[in-house]
Amino acid sequence: MNLIDRISHQFEDNMRTALEALELLAAPIAGAVELITASLLDNGKVLVCGGSGSAGDARRFAAQLVNGFELERPALAAMALSADTSTLAPASAELDPQAAFARQIAVFGHPGDILVTLSANSGSARILGAIEAAHERDMRVIALTGADGGRIAEALDPADILLCAPADRTARIQELHLLILHCLCDGIDCLLLGVED
């Protein structure tokens, strides 16, 4: 396969996966938009965490809520749990990997807040620990994962929302997660600002 064909294949695979995801995820994404917006309007906040390669997307999503997405609006209360390396360092040195985000949720999370998790690995111990900590704080969880959702899907409560990218390849899962995050930002802005188009 030559390089142009290989690049074309990547684009085509991305588009196929995105179209499949549209069929499966449009309604749950809309539900996630409504859940986050309701929490923010009730003085709640959004805590976001991502495992490994998803940590950057978690930070970006929190920044877009605070700083704005495509429309001018007041800042929204959001915080990326993977942003403060000084806070994460002691937890990562412990034997229990689940403590990395769970401790921050125990301190910063309150009933009515939302936890958004991102992980292409549907069995991440840190994400599972974060979900457990959020439930202990009476928080709702929106989990972005891939494949069949695995242990992350099993850890969710019925009131939580699973946004499972229909893909096995990490690249496709992460690409869809970024699209989902942009849909969340756009939807939240539209609900808060009353934008129709």
N, C-alpha and C. Protein backbone atom coordinates (compact mmCIF):
# COMPACT_ATOMS: atom_id res chain seq x y z
N MET A 1 0.85 -1.18 0.00
CA MET A 1 0.00 0.00 0.00
C MET A 1 0.89 1.24 0.00
N ASN A 2 0.62 2.18 -0.91
CA ASN A 2 1.43 3.40 -0.88
C ASN A 2 0.91 4.36 0.19
N LEU A 3 1.68 5.38 0.46
CA LEU A 3 1.37 6.29 1.56
C LEU A 3 0.05 7.02 1.36
N ILE A 4 -0.25 7.46 0.14
CA ILE A 4 -1.52 8.17 -0.12
C ILE A 4 -2.69 7.23 0.15
N ASP A 5 -2.59 5.98 -0.28
CA ASP A 5 -3.66 5.01 -0.02
C ASP A 5 -3.83 4.77 1.49
N ARG A 6 -2.73 4.71 2.18
CA ARG A 6 -2.79 4.48 3.63
C ARG A 6 -3.47 5.66 4.34
N ILE A 7 -3.13 6.87 3.94
CA ILE A 7 -3.76 8.06 4.52
C ILE A 7 -5.25 8.08 4.18
N SER A 8 -5.59 7.75 2.94
CA SER A 8 -6.99 7.69 2.54
C SER A 8 -7.76 6.69 3.39
N HIS A 9 -7.13 5.55 3.65
CA HIS A 9 -7.77 4.53 4.49
C HIS A 9 -8.05 5.06 5.89
N GLN A 10 -7.12 5.82 6.45
CA GLN A 10 -7.33 6.40 7.79
C GLN A 10 -8.55 7.33 7.80
N PHE A 11 -8.64 8.20 6.79
CA PHE A 11 -9.78 9.11 6.70
C PHE A 11 -11.09 8.34 6.54
N GLU A 12 -11.09 7.34 5.67
CA GLU A 12 -12.30 6.55 5.43
C GLU A 12 -12.73 5.80 6.67
N ASP A 13 -11.77 5.22 7.40
CA ASP A 13 -12.07 4.50 8.63
C ASP A 13 -12.65 5.45 9.68
N ASN A 14 -12.08 6.65 9.76
CA ASN A 14 -12.59 7.66 10.68
C ASN A 14 -14.04 8.01 10.35
N MET A 15 -14.32 8.23 9.08
CA MET A 15 -15.68 8.63 8.68
C MET A 15 -16.68 7.50 8.93
N ARG A 16 -16.31 6.27 8.62
CA ARG A 16 -17.21 5.13 8.87
C ARG A 16 -17.53 5.02 10.36
N THR A 17 -16.50 5.13 11.18
CA THR A 17 -16.68 5.01 12.62
C THR A 17 -17.54 6.15 13.16
N ALA A 18 -17.31 7.36 12.66
CA ALA A 18 -18.09 8.52 13.10
C ALA A 18 -19.57 8.37 12.72
N LEU A 19 -19.85 7.87 11.54
CA LEU A 19 -21.24 7.68 11.12
C LEU A 19 -21.93 6.60 11.96
N GLU A 20 -21.21 5.53 12.26
CA GLU A 20 -21.77 4.50 13.14
C GLU A 20 -22.04 5.06 14.53
N ALA A 21 -21.11 5.88 15.02
CA ALA A 21 -21.28 6.49 16.33
C ALA A 21 -22.47 7.44 16.36
N LEU A 22 -22.70 8.15 15.27
CA LEU A 22 -23.84 9.07 15.21
C LEU A 22 -25.14 8.34 15.49
N GLU A 23 -25.31 7.18 14.87
CA GLU A 23 -26.52 6.39 15.06
C GLU A 23 -26.70 5.96 16.52
N LEU A 24 -25.59 5.59 17.15
CA LEU A 24 -25.64 5.06 18.51
C LEU A 24 -25.63 6.13 19.59
N LEU A 25 -24.97 7.24 19.35
CA LEU A 25 -24.63 8.16 20.44
C LEU A 25 -25.34 9.51 20.43
N ALA A 26 -26.06 9.85 19.37
CA ALA A 26 -26.68 11.18 19.33
C ALA A 26 -27.59 11.42 20.54
N ALA A 27 -28.45 10.47 20.85
CA ALA A 27 -29.38 10.63 21.99
C ALA A 27 -28.65 10.65 23.33
N PRO A 28 -27.71 9.73 23.58
CA PRO A 28 -26.99 9.81 24.86
C PRO A 28 -26.14 11.08 25.00
N ILE A 29 -25.58 11.58 23.89
CA ILE A 29 -24.82 12.84 23.97
C ILE A 29 -25.77 13.98 24.34
N ALA A 30 -26.96 14.00 23.73
CA ALA A 30 -27.95 15.03 24.08
C ALA A 30 -28.31 14.94 25.56
N GLY A 31 -28.46 13.72 26.06
CA GLY A 31 -28.73 13.54 27.49
C GLY A 31 -27.60 14.05 28.36
N ALA A 32 -26.37 13.83 27.92
CA ALA A 32 -25.20 14.32 28.67
C ALA A 32 -25.16 15.85 28.68
N VAL A 33 -25.50 16.46 27.54
CA VAL A 33 -25.56 17.93 27.47
C VAL A 33 -26.56 18.46 28.48
N GLU A 34 -27.73 17.85 28.52
CA GLU A 34 -28.78 18.30 29.45
C GLU A 34 -28.36 18.09 30.90
N LEU A 35 -27.71 16.96 31.19
CA LEU A 35 -27.27 16.67 32.55
C LEU A 35 -26.22 17.68 33.02
N ILE A 36 -25.23 17.95 32.19
CA ILE A 36 -24.18 18.91 32.55
C ILE A 36 -24.77 20.30 32.71
N THR A 37 -25.62 20.70 31.78
CA THR A 37 -26.21 22.04 31.84
C THR A 37 -27.04 22.22 33.10
N ALA A 38 -27.84 21.21 33.44
CA ALA A 38 -28.66 21.30 34.65
C ALA A 38 -27.79 21.44 35.89
N SER A 39 -26.69 20.70 35.95
CA SER A 39 -25.78 20.80 37.09
C SER A 39 -25.17 22.19 37.18
N LEU A 40 -24.70 22.71 36.05
CA LEU A 40 -24.08 24.04 36.05
C LEU A 40 -25.08 25.12 36.46
N LEU A 41 -26.31 25.01 35.98
CA LEU A 41 -27.34 26.00 36.34
C LEU A 41 -27.72 25.92 37.82
N ASP A 42 -27.44 24.78 38.44
CA ASP A 42 -27.73 24.58 39.86
C ASP A 42 -26.48 24.78 40.71
N ASN A 43 -25.53 25.57 40.19
CA ASN A 43 -24.27 25.87 40.87
C ASN A 43 -23.37 24.66 41.07
N GLY A 44 -23.56 23.63 40.23
CA GLY A 44 -22.66 22.49 40.26
C GLY A 44 -21.43 22.76 39.42
N LYS A 45 -20.56 21.77 39.38
CA LYS A 45 -19.35 21.89 38.57
C LYS A 45 -19.07 20.56 37.87
N VAL A 46 -18.19 20.64 36.90
CA VAL A 46 -17.80 19.46 36.13
C VAL A 46 -16.35 19.13 36.45
N LEU A 47 -16.12 17.93 36.94
CA LEU A 47 -14.78 17.43 37.15
C LEU A 47 -14.48 16.46 36.01
N VAL A 48 -13.30 16.59 35.41
CA VAL A 48 -12.97 15.80 34.23
C VAL A 48 -11.65 15.08 34.46
N CYS A 49 -11.60 13.79 34.10
CA CYS A 49 -10.34 13.07 34.19
C CYS A 49 -10.19 12.13 33.00
N GLY A 50 -8.96 11.97 32.59
CA GLY A 50 -8.66 11.09 31.47
C GLY A 50 -7.45 10.25 31.77
N GLY A 51 -7.53 8.99 31.40
CA GLY A 51 -6.40 8.10 31.60
C GLY A 51 -5.40 8.23 30.47
N SER A 52 -4.14 8.18 30.78
CA SER A 52 -3.02 8.17 29.83
C SER A 52 -3.18 9.20 28.74
N GLY A 53 -3.38 8.75 27.49
CA GLY A 53 -3.46 9.65 26.35
C GLY A 53 -4.68 10.54 26.35
N SER A 54 -5.67 10.21 27.16
CA SER A 54 -6.89 11.01 27.22
C SER A 54 -6.78 12.17 28.20
N ALA A 55 -5.70 12.23 28.96
CA ALA A 55 -5.54 13.30 29.95
C ALA A 55 -5.52 14.67 29.28
N GLY A 56 -4.88 14.78 28.13
CA GLY A 56 -4.84 16.05 27.40
C GLY A 56 -6.22 16.48 26.95
N ASP A 57 -7.03 15.53 26.48
CA ASP A 57 -8.40 15.85 26.07
C ASP A 57 -9.23 16.29 27.27
N ALA A 58 -8.99 15.68 28.43
CA ALA A 58 -9.71 16.07 29.64
C ALA A 58 -9.38 17.53 30.00
N ARG A 59 -8.11 17.87 29.92
CA ARG A 59 -7.70 19.25 30.23
C ARG A 59 -8.30 20.23 29.23
N ARG A 60 -8.30 19.85 27.97
CA ARG A 60 -8.85 20.72 26.92
C ARG A 60 -10.35 20.94 27.12
N PHE A 61 -11.09 19.88 27.45
CA PHE A 61 -12.53 20.00 27.66
C PHE A 61 -12.82 20.94 28.84
N ALA A 62 -12.11 20.75 29.95
CA ALA A 62 -12.31 21.63 31.10
C ALA A 62 -11.99 23.08 30.73
N ALA A 63 -10.93 23.29 29.97
CA ALA A 63 -10.56 24.64 29.56
C ALA A 63 -11.63 25.26 28.67
N GLN A 64 -12.23 24.46 27.79
CA GLN A 64 -13.28 24.99 26.90
C GLN A 64 -14.53 25.36 27.69
N LEU A 65 -14.81 24.64 28.78
CA LEU A 65 -15.95 25.02 29.62
C LEU A 65 -15.64 26.32 30.36
N VAL A 66 -14.44 26.44 30.86
CA VAL A 66 -14.07 27.65 31.61
C VAL A 66 -13.90 28.85 30.67
N ASN A 67 -13.16 28.67 29.60
CA ASN A 67 -12.78 29.80 28.74
C ASN A 67 -13.71 30.05 27.56
N GLY A 68 -14.58 29.12 27.27
CA GLY A 68 -15.49 29.27 26.14
C GLY A 68 -15.10 28.33 25.01
N PHE A 69 -16.08 28.02 24.18
CA PHE A 69 -15.86 27.12 23.06
C PHE A 69 -15.84 27.94 21.78
N GLU A 70 -16.99 28.16 21.15
CA GLU A 70 -17.05 28.98 19.94
C GLU A 70 -17.87 30.24 20.13
N LEU A 71 -18.60 30.32 21.23
CA LEU A 71 -19.45 31.48 21.50
C LEU A 71 -18.95 32.20 22.75
N GLU A 72 -19.19 33.48 22.78
CA GLU A 72 -18.83 34.28 23.95
C GLU A 72 -19.85 34.02 25.05
N ARG A 73 -19.37 33.66 26.24
CA ARG A 73 -20.26 33.41 27.38
C ARG A 73 -19.45 33.48 28.66
N PRO A 74 -20.13 33.58 29.81
CA PRO A 74 -19.41 33.56 31.08
C PRO A 74 -18.72 32.21 31.30
N ALA A 75 -17.73 32.21 32.15
CA ALA A 75 -17.01 30.98 32.47
C ALA A 75 -17.92 29.98 33.17
N LEU A 76 -17.70 28.71 32.90
CA LEU A 76 -18.45 27.63 33.55
C LEU A 76 -17.50 26.89 34.49
N ALA A 77 -18.04 26.39 35.59
CA ALA A 77 -17.24 25.74 36.63
C ALA A 77 -16.81 24.35 36.18
N ALA A 78 -15.54 24.21 35.83
CA ALA A 78 -15.00 22.92 35.40
C ALA A 78 -13.54 22.83 35.81
N MET A 79 -13.10 21.59 36.06
CA MET A 79 -11.72 21.39 36.50
C MET A 79 -11.23 20.04 36.00
N ALA A 80 -10.06 20.03 35.39
CA ALA A 80 -9.43 18.78 34.95
C ALA A 80 -8.60 18.22 36.10
N LEU A 81 -8.90 17.01 36.50
CA LEU A 81 -8.19 16.40 37.62
C LEU A 81 -6.78 15.96 37.24
N SER A 82 -6.50 15.90 35.96
CA SER A 82 -5.17 15.51 35.51
C SER A 82 -4.26 16.71 35.27
N ALA A 83 -4.74 17.91 35.59
CA ALA A 83 -3.98 19.12 35.27
C ALA A 83 -2.89 19.42 36.29
N ASP A 84 -3.09 19.06 37.53
CA ASP A 84 -2.16 19.42 38.60
C ASP A 84 -1.22 18.25 38.89
N THR A 85 -0.04 18.26 38.28
CA THR A 85 0.89 17.15 38.46
C THR A 85 1.39 17.04 39.89
N SER A 86 1.42 18.14 40.63
CA SER A 86 1.85 18.08 42.02
C SER A 86 0.86 17.29 42.86
N THR A 87 -0.42 17.43 42.55
CA THR A 87 -1.44 16.68 43.27
C THR A 87 -1.41 15.21 42.89
N LEU A 88 -1.16 14.93 41.61
CA LEU A 88 -1.16 13.55 41.15
C LEU A 88 0.08 12.77 41.59
N ALA A 89 1.20 13.44 41.77
CA ALA A 89 2.47 12.74 42.05
C ALA A 89 2.41 11.83 43.28
N PRO A 90 1.93 12.30 44.43
CA PRO A 90 1.89 11.40 45.59
C PRO A 90 0.98 10.20 45.36
N ALA A 91 -0.16 10.41 44.69
CA ALA A 91 -1.09 9.31 44.45
C ALA A 91 -0.48 8.27 43.52
N SER A 92 0.26 8.73 42.51
CA SER A 92 0.84 7.78 41.56
C SER A 92 1.98 6.99 42.20
N ALA A 93 2.56 7.52 43.27
CA ALA A 93 3.64 6.81 43.94
C ALA A 93 3.11 5.74 44.89
N GLU A 94 1.82 5.79 45.18
CA GLU A 94 1.22 4.80 46.08
C GLU A 94 1.02 3.48 45.34
N LEU A 95 0.76 2.43 46.09
CA LEU A 95 0.54 1.13 45.48
C LEU A 95 -0.83 1.05 44.81
N ASP A 96 -1.79 1.82 45.28
CA ASP A 96 -3.15 1.75 44.75
C ASP A 96 -3.32 2.76 43.62
N PRO A 97 -3.36 2.31 42.36
CA PRO A 97 -3.48 3.25 41.24
C PRO A 97 -4.84 3.93 41.18
N GLN A 98 -5.83 3.38 41.87
CA GLN A 98 -7.15 3.98 41.83
C GLN A 98 -7.21 5.32 42.57
N ALA A 99 -6.22 5.60 43.38
CA ALA A 99 -6.26 6.82 44.20
C ALA A 99 -5.96 8.08 43.41
N ALA A 100 -5.41 7.97 42.21
CA ALA A 100 -4.94 9.13 41.46
C ALA A 100 -6.00 10.22 41.33
N PHE A 101 -7.19 9.87 40.91
CA PHE A 101 -8.27 10.86 40.75
C PHE A 101 -9.25 10.82 41.92
N ALA A 102 -9.37 9.68 42.56
CA ALA A 102 -10.36 9.51 43.62
C ALA A 102 -10.17 10.49 44.77
N ARG A 103 -8.92 10.75 45.14
CA ARG A 103 -8.67 11.68 46.25
C ARG A 103 -9.15 13.09 45.91
N GLN A 104 -8.89 13.50 44.68
CA GLN A 104 -9.34 14.85 44.27
C GLN A 104 -10.86 14.93 44.25
N ILE A 105 -11.51 13.87 43.81
CA ILE A 105 -12.98 13.86 43.80
C ILE A 105 -13.51 13.92 45.22
N ALA A 106 -12.87 13.20 46.15
CA ALA A 106 -13.30 13.23 47.55
C ALA A 106 -13.21 14.64 48.13
N VAL A 107 -12.25 15.43 47.66
CA VAL A 107 -12.06 16.78 48.17
C VAL A 107 -12.93 17.80 47.44
N PHE A 108 -12.96 17.73 46.12
CA PHE A 108 -13.61 18.77 45.32
C PHE A 108 -15.03 18.42 44.88
N GLY A 109 -15.39 17.15 44.91
CA GLY A 109 -16.71 16.75 44.43
C GLY A 109 -17.80 16.94 45.46
N HIS A 110 -18.95 17.37 44.99
CA HIS A 110 -20.13 17.56 45.86
C HIS A 110 -21.34 16.94 45.20
N PRO A 111 -22.36 16.60 45.99
CA PRO A 111 -23.58 16.08 45.38
C PRO A 111 -24.11 17.04 44.32
N GLY A 112 -24.50 16.48 43.19
CA GLY A 112 -24.99 17.30 42.09
C GLY A 112 -23.93 17.67 41.07
N ASP A 113 -22.66 17.52 41.42
CA ASP A 113 -21.59 17.75 40.44
C ASP A 113 -21.57 16.60 39.44
N ILE A 114 -20.87 16.81 38.34
CA ILE A 114 -20.75 15.81 37.29
C ILE A 114 -19.29 15.41 37.14
N LEU A 115 -19.04 14.11 37.01
CA LEU A 115 -17.72 13.61 36.66
C LEU A 115 -17.77 13.14 35.21
N VAL A 116 -16.85 13.66 34.39
CA VAL A 116 -16.69 13.19 33.01
C VAL A 116 -15.37 12.45 32.95
N THR A 117 -15.42 11.18 32.54
CA THR A 117 -14.21 10.38 32.41
C THR A 117 -13.96 10.05 30.95
N LEU A 118 -12.67 9.98 30.57
CA LEU A 118 -12.28 9.61 29.22
C LEU A 118 -11.23 8.51 29.31
N SER A 119 -11.47 7.42 28.59
CA SER A 119 -10.48 6.36 28.56
C SER A 119 -10.74 5.44 27.37
N ALA A 120 -9.72 5.26 26.55
CA ALA A 120 -9.82 4.29 25.47
C ALA A 120 -9.70 2.88 26.04
N ASN A 121 -9.08 2.77 27.21
CA ASN A 121 -8.94 1.49 27.91
C ASN A 121 -10.15 1.33 28.83
N SER A 122 -11.00 0.39 28.53
CA SER A 122 -12.25 0.27 29.28
C SER A 122 -12.09 -0.45 30.62
N GLY A 123 -10.85 -0.60 31.07
CA GLY A 123 -10.61 -1.21 32.38
C GLY A 123 -9.63 -0.43 33.22
N SER A 124 -9.45 0.87 32.93
CA SER A 124 -8.47 1.69 33.64
C SER A 124 -8.78 1.76 35.14
N ALA A 125 -7.81 1.35 35.96
CA ALA A 125 -8.00 1.37 37.42
C ALA A 125 -8.23 2.78 37.93
N ARG A 126 -7.52 3.76 37.38
CA ARG A 126 -7.70 5.15 37.84
C ARG A 126 -9.10 5.66 37.54
N ILE A 127 -9.62 5.31 36.36
CA ILE A 127 -10.97 5.75 35.99
C ILE A 127 -12.01 5.02 36.84
N LEU A 128 -11.81 3.73 37.07
CA LEU A 128 -12.74 2.98 37.92
C LEU A 128 -12.76 3.56 39.34
N GLY A 129 -11.58 3.92 39.86
CA GLY A 129 -11.52 4.55 41.18
C GLY A 129 -12.22 5.89 41.20
N ALA A 130 -12.10 6.65 40.12
CA ALA A 130 -12.77 7.95 40.03
C ALA A 130 -14.28 7.79 40.03
N ILE A 131 -14.77 6.81 39.29
CA ILE A 131 -16.22 6.56 39.23
C ILE A 131 -16.74 6.17 40.61
N GLU A 132 -16.03 5.29 41.28
CA GLU A 132 -16.44 4.88 42.63
C GLU A 132 -16.47 6.08 43.58
N ALA A 133 -15.44 6.91 43.52
CA ALA A 133 -15.39 8.09 44.39
C ALA A 133 -16.53 9.06 44.08
N ALA A 134 -16.85 9.22 42.81
CA ALA A 134 -17.95 10.11 42.42
C ALA A 134 -19.28 9.60 42.96
N HIS A 135 -19.50 8.30 42.88
CA HIS A 135 -20.75 7.73 43.41
C HIS A 135 -20.84 7.93 44.92
N GLU A 136 -19.71 7.81 45.60
CA GLU A 136 -19.70 8.03 47.05
C GLU A 136 -20.06 9.47 47.40
N ARG A 137 -19.82 10.41 46.46
CA ARG A 137 -20.13 11.83 46.67
C ARG A 137 -21.49 12.21 46.06
N ASP A 138 -22.28 11.23 45.64
CA ASP A 138 -23.59 11.47 45.01
C ASP A 138 -23.46 12.33 43.76
N MET A 139 -22.44 12.04 42.98
CA MET A 139 -22.24 12.70 41.70
C MET A 139 -22.69 11.77 40.58
N ARG A 140 -23.13 12.34 39.48
CA ARG A 140 -23.45 11.56 38.30
C ARG A 140 -22.20 11.48 37.42
N VAL A 141 -22.09 10.43 36.64
CA VAL A 141 -20.92 10.18 35.82
C VAL A 141 -21.30 10.09 34.35
N ILE A 142 -20.50 10.73 33.52
CA ILE A 142 -20.58 10.58 32.06
C ILE A 142 -19.26 9.97 31.65
N ALA A 143 -19.30 8.72 31.16
CA ALA A 143 -18.08 7.99 30.85
C ALA A 143 -17.92 7.83 29.34
N LEU A 144 -16.81 8.35 28.82
CA LEU A 144 -16.45 8.15 27.43
C LEU A 144 -15.43 7.03 27.37
N THR A 145 -15.76 5.99 26.63
CA THR A 145 -14.87 4.84 26.50
C THR A 145 -15.00 4.27 25.10
N GLY A 146 -14.49 3.07 24.90
CA GLY A 146 -14.56 2.47 23.58
C GLY A 146 -14.90 1.01 23.65
N ALA A 147 -14.91 0.35 22.49
CA ALA A 147 -15.25 -1.07 22.36
C ALA A 147 -16.61 -1.32 23.00
N ASP A 148 -16.69 -2.20 24.00
CA ASP A 148 -17.98 -2.49 24.63
C ASP A 148 -18.14 -1.79 25.98
N GLY A 149 -17.20 -0.95 26.33
CA GLY A 149 -17.28 -0.24 27.61
C GLY A 149 -16.64 -0.99 28.75
N GLY A 150 -16.56 -2.31 28.65
CA GLY A 150 -15.87 -3.14 29.63
C GLY A 150 -16.23 -2.87 31.07
N ARG A 151 -15.22 -2.87 31.93
CA ARG A 151 -15.43 -2.69 33.37
C ARG A 151 -15.95 -1.29 33.70
N ILE A 152 -15.62 -0.31 32.87
CA ILE A 152 -16.14 1.04 33.12
C ILE A 152 -17.65 1.05 32.98
N ALA A 153 -18.17 0.42 31.94
CA ALA A 153 -19.62 0.34 31.75
C ALA A 153 -20.28 -0.37 32.93
N GLU A 154 -19.65 -1.43 33.41
CA GLU A 154 -20.19 -2.18 34.54
C GLU A 154 -20.20 -1.37 35.83
N ALA A 155 -19.29 -0.41 35.97
CA ALA A 155 -19.19 0.38 37.20
C ALA A 155 -20.21 1.51 37.27
N LEU A 156 -20.87 1.80 36.17
CA LEU A 156 -21.81 2.92 36.14
C LEU A 156 -23.14 2.57 36.79
N ASP A 157 -23.76 3.57 37.38
CA ASP A 157 -25.12 3.44 37.91
C ASP A 157 -26.12 3.68 36.78
N PRO A 158 -27.37 3.24 36.97
CA PRO A 158 -28.37 3.47 35.92
C PRO A 158 -28.57 4.94 35.56
N ALA A 159 -28.32 5.85 36.50
CA ALA A 159 -28.51 7.28 36.23
C ALA A 159 -27.32 7.90 35.51
N ASP A 160 -26.23 7.17 35.37
CA ASP A 160 -25.05 7.66 34.66
C ASP A 160 -25.24 7.51 33.16
N ILE A 161 -24.32 8.10 32.39
CA ILE A 161 -24.40 8.04 30.93
C ILE A 161 -23.11 7.45 30.38
N LEU A 162 -23.25 6.41 29.55
CA LEU A 162 -22.12 5.79 28.87
C LEU A 162 -22.09 6.26 27.42
N LEU A 163 -20.97 6.84 27.02
CA LEU A 163 -20.75 7.26 25.64
C LEU A 163 -19.61 6.40 25.10
N CYS A 164 -19.98 5.27 24.54
CA CYS A 164 -19.02 4.25 24.14
C CYS A 164 -18.78 4.32 22.64
N ALA A 165 -17.59 4.74 22.26
CA ALA A 165 -17.23 4.83 20.85
C ALA A 165 -17.21 3.42 20.25
N PRO A 166 -17.91 3.21 19.14
CA PRO A 166 -18.00 1.86 18.55
C PRO A 166 -16.73 1.52 17.76
N ALA A 167 -15.64 1.36 18.46
CA ALA A 167 -14.35 1.08 17.81
C ALA A 167 -13.46 0.33 18.78
N ASP A 168 -12.51 -0.41 18.23
CA ASP A 168 -11.51 -1.10 19.04
C ASP A 168 -10.15 -0.42 18.97
N ARG A 169 -9.88 0.30 17.89
CA ARG A 169 -8.59 0.97 17.73
C ARG A 169 -8.54 2.23 18.57
N THR A 170 -7.48 2.41 19.30
CA THR A 170 -7.32 3.57 20.18
C THR A 170 -7.45 4.88 19.41
N ALA A 171 -6.86 4.94 18.22
CA ALA A 171 -6.92 6.18 17.44
C ALA A 171 -8.36 6.56 17.12
N ARG A 172 -9.17 5.61 16.69
CA ARG A 172 -10.57 5.90 16.36
C ARG A 172 -11.35 6.29 17.61
N ILE A 173 -11.09 5.61 18.72
CA ILE A 173 -11.79 5.94 19.97
C ILE A 173 -11.47 7.37 20.38
N GLN A 174 -10.20 7.73 20.37
CA GLN A 174 -9.81 9.07 20.80
C GLN A 174 -10.33 10.14 19.84
N GLU A 175 -10.37 9.85 18.55
CA GLU A 175 -10.94 10.80 17.59
C GLU A 175 -12.42 11.04 17.87
N LEU A 176 -13.14 9.96 18.16
CA LEU A 176 -14.56 10.11 18.48
C LEU A 176 -14.77 10.83 19.80
N HIS A 177 -13.90 10.56 20.77
CA HIS A 177 -14.02 11.26 22.05
C HIS A 177 -13.89 12.77 21.86
N LEU A 178 -12.96 13.18 21.02
CA LEU A 178 -12.79 14.61 20.77
C LEU A 178 -14.05 15.19 20.12
N LEU A 179 -14.63 14.48 19.16
CA LEU A 179 -15.86 14.93 18.53
C LEU A 179 -17.00 15.01 19.54
N ILE A 180 -17.10 14.00 20.41
CA ILE A 180 -18.13 14.01 21.45
C ILE A 180 -17.95 15.20 22.38
N LEU A 181 -16.72 15.48 22.78
CA LEU A 181 -16.46 16.62 23.67
C LEU A 181 -16.85 17.93 22.99
N HIS A 182 -16.57 18.06 21.70
CA HIS A 182 -16.99 19.27 20.98
C HIS A 182 -18.51 19.36 20.91
N CYS A 183 -19.18 18.22 20.72
CA CYS A 183 -20.65 18.23 20.74
C CYS A 183 -21.19 18.65 22.10
N LEU A 184 -20.54 18.18 23.17
CA LEU A 184 -20.95 18.57 24.52
C LEU A 184 -20.79 20.08 24.70
N CYS A 185 -19.64 20.62 24.34
CA CYS A 185 -19.39 22.06 24.48
C CYS A 185 -20.42 22.87 23.69
N ASP A 186 -20.64 22.48 22.44
CA ASP A 186 -21.58 23.20 21.58
C ASP A 186 -23.00 23.12 22.14
N GLY A 187 -23.40 21.94 22.57
CA GLY A 187 -24.75 21.77 23.11
C GLY A 187 -24.97 22.55 24.40
N ILE A 188 -23.98 22.54 25.27
CA ILE A 188 -24.09 23.30 26.52
C ILE A 188 -24.23 24.79 26.22
N ASP A 189 -23.38 25.29 25.32
CA ASP A 189 -23.47 26.70 24.94
C ASP A 189 -24.84 27.03 24.36
N CYS A 190 -25.35 26.16 23.50
CA CYS A 190 -26.65 26.41 22.88
C CYS A 190 -27.77 26.44 23.91
N LEU A 191 -27.75 25.51 24.88
CA LEU A 191 -28.78 25.50 25.91
C LEU A 191 -28.66 26.73 26.81
N LEU A 192 -27.45 27.09 27.19
CA LEU A 192 -27.27 28.21 28.10
C LEU A 192 -27.59 29.55 27.42
N LEU A 193 -27.26 29.67 26.14
CA LEU A 193 -27.41 30.94 25.45
C LEU A 193 -28.65 31.01 24.58
N GLY A 194 -29.40 29.90 24.50
CA GLY A 194 -30.63 29.91 23.71
C GLY A 194 -30.38 29.99 22.22
N VAL A 195 -29.28 29.44 21.74
CA VAL A 195 -28.93 29.48 20.32
C VAL A 195 -29.71 28.39 19.59
N GLU A 196 -30.32 28.74 18.48
CA GLU A 196 -31.10 27.77 17.71
C GLU A 196 -30.29 27.12 16.60
N ASP A 197 -29.41 27.87 15.95
CA ASP A 197 -28.65 27.31 14.81
C ASP A 197 -27.18 27.19 15.15
